C-alpha cells in the first residue's frame, strides 16, 4: 500500500512541477507593456516625483522606438534630462543612457533587470 501511495505522490509531483517555472523562465519574450511598466516602476522608485505633483506634464515615461530585439522607453525629468532605457525583449536586461540636451551630453547610466520592477 505504501508503494502505491508513493507512486501516486511521485506522479502527482511530476505533473505539478511541469508548470512551476520562475517568472523569468516562463516569459518567452518581454512585451511592450511589460517594458513600460518595469521602467515606470523603476523611475518612480528611483527619481523624486514630488516636484511633478502640481504639474505632472513636466515628468513622464513613454515608449520610444522599437527594434527586432529591443524596446526603447524614455524617461523625461523635470530638469530637462532624458534617460533612455533599452529593454532586451528576450532577456529583460535593460541598458540605460542619460542625455542632457542643454549640454549635449550623453552618458552610460548603468543596467537593470526589468523583471525586478515588474509586479508579479
N, C-alpha and C. Protein backbone atom coordinates (compact mmCIF):
# COMPACT_ATOMS: atom_id res chain seq x y z
N UNK A 1 0.82 -1.19 0.00
CA UNK A 1 0.00 0.00 0.00
C UNK A 1 0.87 1.26 0.00
N UNK A 2 1.97 1.26 0.80
CA UNK A 2 2.86 2.42 0.83
C UNK A 2 3.47 2.65 -0.54
N UNK A 3 3.77 1.58 -1.27
CA UNK A 3 4.38 1.69 -2.60
C UNK A 3 3.42 2.38 -3.57
N UNK A 4 2.15 2.08 -3.48
CA UNK A 4 1.14 2.71 -4.35
C UNK A 4 1.00 4.18 -4.00
N UNK A 5 0.98 4.51 -2.72
CA UNK A 5 0.87 5.90 -2.29
C UNK A 5 2.09 6.70 -2.74
N UNK A 6 3.27 6.11 -2.60
CA UNK A 6 4.49 6.78 -3.04
C UNK A 6 4.46 7.02 -4.54
N UNK A 7 4.04 6.02 -5.29
CA UNK A 7 3.96 6.15 -6.76
C UNK A 7 2.98 7.25 -7.15
N UNK A 8 1.85 7.32 -6.45
CA UNK A 8 0.85 8.35 -6.75
C UNK A 8 1.41 9.74 -6.47
N UNK A 9 2.10 9.89 -5.35
CA UNK A 9 2.69 11.18 -4.99
C UNK A 9 3.77 11.57 -6.01
N UNK A 10 4.59 10.61 -6.41
CA UNK A 10 5.65 10.87 -7.38
C UNK A 10 5.06 11.34 -8.70
N UNK A 11 4.03 10.66 -9.18
CA UNK A 11 3.37 11.03 -10.44
C UNK A 11 2.72 12.40 -10.31
N UNK A 12 2.08 12.67 -9.18
CA UNK A 12 1.45 13.98 -8.97
C UNK A 12 2.50 15.09 -8.99
N UNK A 13 3.66 14.83 -8.38
CA UNK A 13 4.72 15.83 -8.37
C UNK A 13 5.25 16.09 -9.77
N UNK A 14 5.34 15.06 -10.58
CA UNK A 14 5.80 15.25 -11.96
C UNK A 14 4.85 16.16 -12.73
N UNK A 15 3.55 15.92 -12.60
CA UNK A 15 2.57 16.75 -13.30
C UNK A 15 2.58 18.18 -12.79
N UNK A 16 2.69 18.36 -11.49
CA UNK A 16 2.66 19.70 -10.90
C UNK A 16 3.93 20.49 -11.19
N UNK A 17 5.07 19.84 -11.27
CA UNK A 17 6.32 20.56 -11.45
C UNK A 17 6.53 21.03 -12.87
N UNK A 18 5.76 20.54 -13.80
CA UNK A 18 5.94 20.95 -15.19
C UNK A 18 5.67 22.43 -15.39
N UNK A 19 4.70 22.97 -14.69
CA UNK A 19 4.35 24.36 -14.88
C UNK A 19 4.94 25.30 -13.86
N UNK A 20 5.81 24.83 -12.99
CA UNK A 20 6.32 25.70 -11.93
C UNK A 20 7.70 26.25 -12.28
N UNK A 21 7.72 27.11 -13.27
CA UNK A 21 8.96 27.79 -13.65
C UNK A 21 8.93 29.19 -13.07
N UNK A 22 10.09 29.78 -12.91
CA UNK A 22 10.15 31.15 -12.41
C UNK A 22 9.62 32.10 -13.45
N UNK A 23 9.35 33.34 -13.05
CA UNK A 23 8.82 34.34 -13.97
C UNK A 23 9.75 34.54 -15.16
N UNK A 24 11.05 34.59 -14.91
CA UNK A 24 11.99 34.81 -15.99
C UNK A 24 11.94 33.66 -17.00
N UNK A 25 11.88 32.42 -16.50
CA UNK A 25 11.89 31.28 -17.39
C UNK A 25 10.58 31.11 -18.13
N UNK A 26 9.47 31.52 -17.52
CA UNK A 26 8.17 31.29 -18.15
C UNK A 26 7.87 32.35 -19.20
N UNK A 27 8.55 33.47 -19.18
CA UNK A 27 8.33 34.50 -20.18
C UNK A 27 9.23 34.22 -21.36
N UNK A 28 8.64 34.00 -22.53
CA UNK A 28 9.46 33.78 -23.70
C UNK A 28 9.91 35.11 -24.28
N UNK A 29 9.17 36.16 -24.01
CA UNK A 29 9.54 37.46 -24.53
C UNK A 29 8.89 38.56 -23.71
N UNK A 30 9.61 39.65 -23.56
CA UNK A 30 9.08 40.84 -22.89
C UNK A 30 8.11 41.53 -23.85
N UNK A 31 6.98 41.95 -23.34
CA UNK A 31 6.04 42.72 -24.17
C UNK A 31 6.31 44.20 -23.98
N UNK A 32 5.75 45.01 -24.88
CA UNK A 32 5.90 46.46 -24.76
C UNK A 32 5.28 46.95 -23.45
N UNK A 33 4.16 46.36 -23.06
CA UNK A 33 3.50 46.75 -21.81
C UNK A 33 4.37 46.44 -20.61
N UNK A 34 5.05 45.29 -20.63
CA UNK A 34 5.94 44.91 -19.54
C UNK A 34 7.13 45.87 -19.46
N UNK A 35 7.68 46.23 -20.60
CA UNK A 35 8.81 47.16 -20.63
C UNK A 35 8.41 48.50 -20.05
N UNK A 36 7.26 49.01 -20.47
CA UNK A 36 6.78 50.30 -19.98
C UNK A 36 6.49 50.25 -18.47
N UNK A 37 5.84 49.18 -18.03
CA UNK A 37 5.54 49.03 -16.60
C UNK A 37 6.82 48.97 -15.77
N UNK A 38 7.77 48.14 -16.21
CA UNK A 38 9.01 47.99 -15.46
C UNK A 38 9.81 49.27 -15.36
N UNK A 39 9.93 50.00 -16.48
CA UNK A 39 10.67 51.26 -16.47
C UNK A 39 9.94 52.29 -15.63
N UNK A 40 8.63 52.34 -15.75
CA UNK A 40 7.85 53.29 -14.95
C UNK A 40 8.03 53.01 -13.46
N UNK A 41 7.96 51.75 -13.07
CA UNK A 41 8.15 51.39 -11.66
C UNK A 41 9.56 51.75 -11.19
N UNK A 42 10.56 51.49 -12.03
CA UNK A 42 11.94 51.83 -11.69
C UNK A 42 12.07 53.34 -11.48
N UNK A 43 11.54 54.12 -12.42
CA UNK A 43 11.66 55.58 -12.34
C UNK A 43 10.93 56.14 -11.12
N UNK A 44 9.77 55.59 -10.81
CA UNK A 44 9.03 56.08 -9.64
C UNK A 44 9.74 55.72 -8.33
N UNK A 45 10.50 54.64 -8.34
CA UNK A 45 11.22 54.27 -7.12
C UNK A 45 12.59 54.94 -7.01
N UNK A 46 13.12 55.41 -8.13
CA UNK A 46 14.47 55.96 -8.14
C UNK A 46 14.51 57.48 -8.14
N UNK A 47 13.62 58.11 -8.88
CA UNK A 47 13.65 59.56 -9.04
C UNK A 47 12.57 60.22 -8.16
N UNK A 48 12.84 61.45 -7.76
CA UNK A 48 11.90 62.22 -6.95
C UNK A 48 10.80 62.80 -7.83
N UNK A 49 9.58 62.34 -7.63
CA UNK A 49 8.44 62.79 -8.43
C UNK A 49 7.63 63.87 -7.71
N UNK A 50 8.06 64.28 -6.53
CA UNK A 50 7.26 65.25 -5.77
C UNK A 50 7.13 66.58 -6.51
N UNK A 51 8.15 66.95 -7.26
CA UNK A 51 8.12 68.22 -8.00
C UNK A 51 7.03 68.19 -9.08
N UNK A 52 6.68 66.98 -9.55
CA UNK A 52 5.69 66.85 -10.61
C UNK A 52 4.27 66.71 -10.07
N UNK A 53 4.13 66.75 -8.75
CA UNK A 53 2.79 66.59 -8.16
C UNK A 53 1.85 67.69 -8.64
N UNK A 54 2.31 68.92 -8.63
CA UNK A 54 1.48 70.05 -9.06
C UNK A 54 1.42 70.20 -10.57
N UNK A 55 2.43 69.71 -11.27
CA UNK A 55 2.49 69.82 -12.72
C UNK A 55 2.99 68.50 -13.31
N UNK A 56 2.12 67.51 -13.47
CA UNK A 56 2.55 66.19 -13.92
C UNK A 56 3.11 66.16 -15.34
N UNK A 57 2.89 67.20 -16.13
CA UNK A 57 3.39 67.23 -17.50
C UNK A 57 4.90 67.45 -17.59
N UNK A 58 5.56 67.82 -16.49
CA UNK A 58 6.99 68.10 -16.56
C UNK A 58 7.85 66.84 -16.42
N UNK A 59 7.24 65.71 -16.04
CA UNK A 59 7.96 64.43 -15.94
C UNK A 59 7.10 63.35 -16.55
N UNK A 60 7.76 62.32 -17.08
CA UNK A 60 6.96 61.23 -17.62
C UNK A 60 7.79 60.10 -18.20
N UNK A 61 7.11 59.01 -18.47
CA UNK A 61 7.70 57.83 -19.08
C UNK A 61 6.85 57.48 -20.28
N UNK A 62 7.50 57.26 -21.43
CA UNK A 62 6.75 56.89 -22.63
C UNK A 62 7.58 55.96 -23.50
N UNK A 63 6.89 55.25 -24.37
CA UNK A 63 7.56 54.33 -25.29
C UNK A 63 8.30 55.13 -26.34
N UNK A 64 9.46 54.61 -26.72
CA UNK A 64 10.26 55.18 -27.79
C UNK A 64 10.24 54.23 -28.98
N UNK A 65 11.35 54.16 -29.68
CA UNK A 65 11.45 53.31 -30.85
C UNK A 65 11.57 51.84 -30.46
N UNK A 66 11.19 50.99 -31.39
CA UNK A 66 11.27 49.54 -31.18
C UNK A 66 12.07 48.92 -32.31
N UNK A 67 12.94 47.97 -31.97
CA UNK A 67 13.65 47.20 -32.97
C UNK A 67 13.22 45.74 -32.84
N UNK A 68 13.82 44.87 -33.61
CA UNK A 68 13.50 43.45 -33.51
C UNK A 68 13.88 42.87 -32.15
N UNK A 69 14.90 43.46 -31.51
CA UNK A 69 15.39 42.87 -30.26
C UNK A 69 15.18 43.74 -29.02
N UNK A 70 14.84 45.02 -29.18
CA UNK A 70 14.71 45.89 -28.01
C UNK A 70 13.52 46.84 -28.10
N UNK A 71 13.07 47.22 -26.90
CA UNK A 71 12.12 48.32 -26.76
C UNK A 71 12.91 49.49 -26.18
N UNK A 72 12.61 50.67 -26.64
CA UNK A 72 13.18 51.86 -26.03
C UNK A 72 12.07 52.53 -25.24
N UNK A 73 12.35 52.80 -23.97
CA UNK A 73 11.41 53.52 -23.12
C UNK A 73 12.16 54.76 -22.64
N UNK A 74 11.50 55.92 -22.68
CA UNK A 74 12.17 57.17 -22.38
C UNK A 74 11.55 57.83 -21.15
N UNK A 75 12.41 58.17 -20.19
CA UNK A 75 12.00 58.93 -19.01
C UNK A 75 12.44 60.37 -19.22
N UNK A 76 11.52 61.30 -19.03
CA UNK A 76 11.81 62.72 -19.13
C UNK A 76 11.72 63.33 -17.74
N UNK A 77 12.81 63.93 -17.28
CA UNK A 77 12.87 64.54 -15.96
C UNK A 77 12.45 66.00 -16.02
N UNK A 78 12.05 66.53 -14.89
CA UNK A 78 11.70 67.95 -14.81
C UNK A 78 12.91 68.84 -15.08
N UNK A 79 14.12 68.29 -14.99
CA UNK A 79 15.34 69.06 -15.24
C UNK A 79 15.62 69.23 -16.73
N UNK A 80 14.89 68.50 -17.56
CA UNK A 80 15.12 68.54 -19.00
C UNK A 80 15.98 67.39 -19.49
N UNK A 81 16.50 66.58 -18.58
CA UNK A 81 17.30 65.42 -18.95
C UNK A 81 16.39 64.26 -19.36
N UNK A 82 16.92 63.37 -20.20
CA UNK A 82 16.21 62.18 -20.63
C UNK A 82 17.04 60.97 -20.26
N UNK A 83 16.39 59.91 -19.82
CA UNK A 83 17.06 58.62 -19.64
C UNK A 83 16.38 57.66 -20.60
N UNK A 84 17.19 57.11 -21.51
CA UNK A 84 16.70 56.15 -22.48
C UNK A 84 16.99 54.75 -21.94
N UNK A 85 15.95 53.94 -21.86
CA UNK A 85 16.06 52.56 -21.39
C UNK A 85 15.92 51.65 -22.61
N UNK A 86 16.89 50.78 -22.82
CA UNK A 86 16.87 49.84 -23.94
C UNK A 86 16.63 48.45 -23.35
N UNK A 87 15.39 47.98 -23.47
CA UNK A 87 14.96 46.72 -22.85
C UNK A 87 15.10 45.59 -23.85
N UNK A 88 15.95 44.62 -23.54
CA UNK A 88 16.13 43.44 -24.40
C UNK A 88 14.86 42.59 -24.32
N UNK A 89 14.23 42.33 -25.45
CA UNK A 89 12.96 41.61 -25.47
C UNK A 89 13.09 40.17 -24.98
N UNK A 90 14.21 39.55 -25.19
CA UNK A 90 14.38 38.14 -24.82
C UNK A 90 14.77 37.95 -23.36
N UNK A 91 15.66 38.81 -22.84
CA UNK A 91 16.21 38.55 -21.51
C UNK A 91 15.70 39.49 -20.41
N UNK A 92 15.22 40.67 -20.79
CA UNK A 92 14.81 41.65 -19.79
C UNK A 92 15.96 42.53 -19.32
N UNK A 93 17.17 42.23 -19.77
CA UNK A 93 18.32 43.07 -19.43
C UNK A 93 18.11 44.45 -20.04
N UNK A 94 18.31 45.48 -19.24
CA UNK A 94 17.99 46.84 -19.68
C UNK A 94 19.19 47.75 -19.49
N UNK A 95 19.61 48.35 -20.59
CA UNK A 95 20.72 49.30 -20.58
C UNK A 95 20.13 50.70 -20.52
N UNK A 96 20.76 51.57 -19.70
CA UNK A 96 20.26 52.94 -19.54
C UNK A 96 21.31 53.92 -20.06
N UNK A 97 20.81 54.95 -20.75
CA UNK A 97 21.68 56.00 -21.25
C UNK A 97 21.03 57.35 -20.96
N UNK A 98 21.77 58.23 -20.30
CA UNK A 98 21.23 59.55 -19.95
C UNK A 98 21.68 60.56 -20.99
N UNK A 99 20.76 61.47 -21.34
CA UNK A 99 21.07 62.53 -22.29
C UNK A 99 20.58 63.86 -21.73
N UNK A 100 21.49 64.83 -21.69
CA UNK A 100 21.16 66.18 -21.24
C UNK A 100 21.25 67.10 -22.46
N UNK A 101 20.09 67.45 -23.05
CA UNK A 101 20.11 68.23 -24.29
C UNK A 101 20.75 69.61 -24.17
N UNK A 102 20.58 70.28 -23.05
CA UNK A 102 21.14 71.63 -22.91
C UNK A 102 22.66 71.62 -22.93
N UNK A 103 23.27 70.52 -22.53
CA UNK A 103 24.73 70.39 -22.55
C UNK A 103 25.21 69.51 -23.69
N UNK A 104 24.26 68.88 -24.40
CA UNK A 104 24.56 67.91 -25.46
C UNK A 104 25.52 66.83 -24.96
N UNK A 105 25.16 66.26 -23.80
CA UNK A 105 26.00 65.24 -23.16
C UNK A 105 25.21 63.94 -23.03
N UNK A 106 25.81 62.85 -23.52
CA UNK A 106 25.27 61.50 -23.35
C UNK A 106 26.21 60.74 -22.44
N UNK A 107 25.63 59.93 -21.56
CA UNK A 107 26.46 59.10 -20.70
C UNK A 107 25.76 57.80 -20.37
N UNK A 108 26.56 56.76 -20.17
CA UNK A 108 26.06 55.46 -19.76
C UNK A 108 25.54 55.59 -18.33
N UNK A 109 24.33 55.09 -18.08
CA UNK A 109 23.73 55.23 -16.75
C UNK A 109 23.53 53.89 -16.06
N UNK A 110 24.11 52.81 -16.58
CA UNK A 110 24.04 51.51 -15.93
C UNK A 110 23.06 50.56 -16.56
N UNK A 111 22.78 49.49 -15.83
CA UNK A 111 21.85 48.45 -16.30
C UNK A 111 20.95 48.02 -15.15
N UNK A 112 19.79 47.49 -15.53
CA UNK A 112 18.87 46.88 -14.57
C UNK A 112 18.28 45.64 -15.22
N UNK A 113 17.69 44.79 -14.42
CA UNK A 113 16.91 43.66 -14.91
C UNK A 113 15.45 44.08 -14.80
N UNK A 114 14.77 44.20 -15.92
CA UNK A 114 13.39 44.71 -15.95
C UNK A 114 12.46 43.85 -15.10
N UNK A 115 12.78 42.54 -14.97
CA UNK A 115 11.93 41.66 -14.16
C UNK A 115 11.90 42.08 -12.68
N UNK A 116 12.94 42.78 -12.22
CA UNK A 116 12.98 43.25 -10.84
C UNK A 116 11.95 44.35 -10.57
N UNK A 117 11.40 44.94 -11.64
CA UNK A 117 10.49 46.07 -11.50
C UNK A 117 9.11 45.81 -12.08
N UNK A 118 8.85 44.58 -12.46
CA UNK A 118 7.52 44.20 -12.95
C UNK A 118 6.79 43.51 -11.81
N UNK A 119 5.57 43.96 -11.55
CA UNK A 119 4.78 43.34 -10.48
C UNK A 119 4.47 41.91 -10.84
N UNK A 120 4.63 41.04 -9.87
CA UNK A 120 4.42 39.63 -10.10
C UNK A 120 3.03 39.21 -9.73
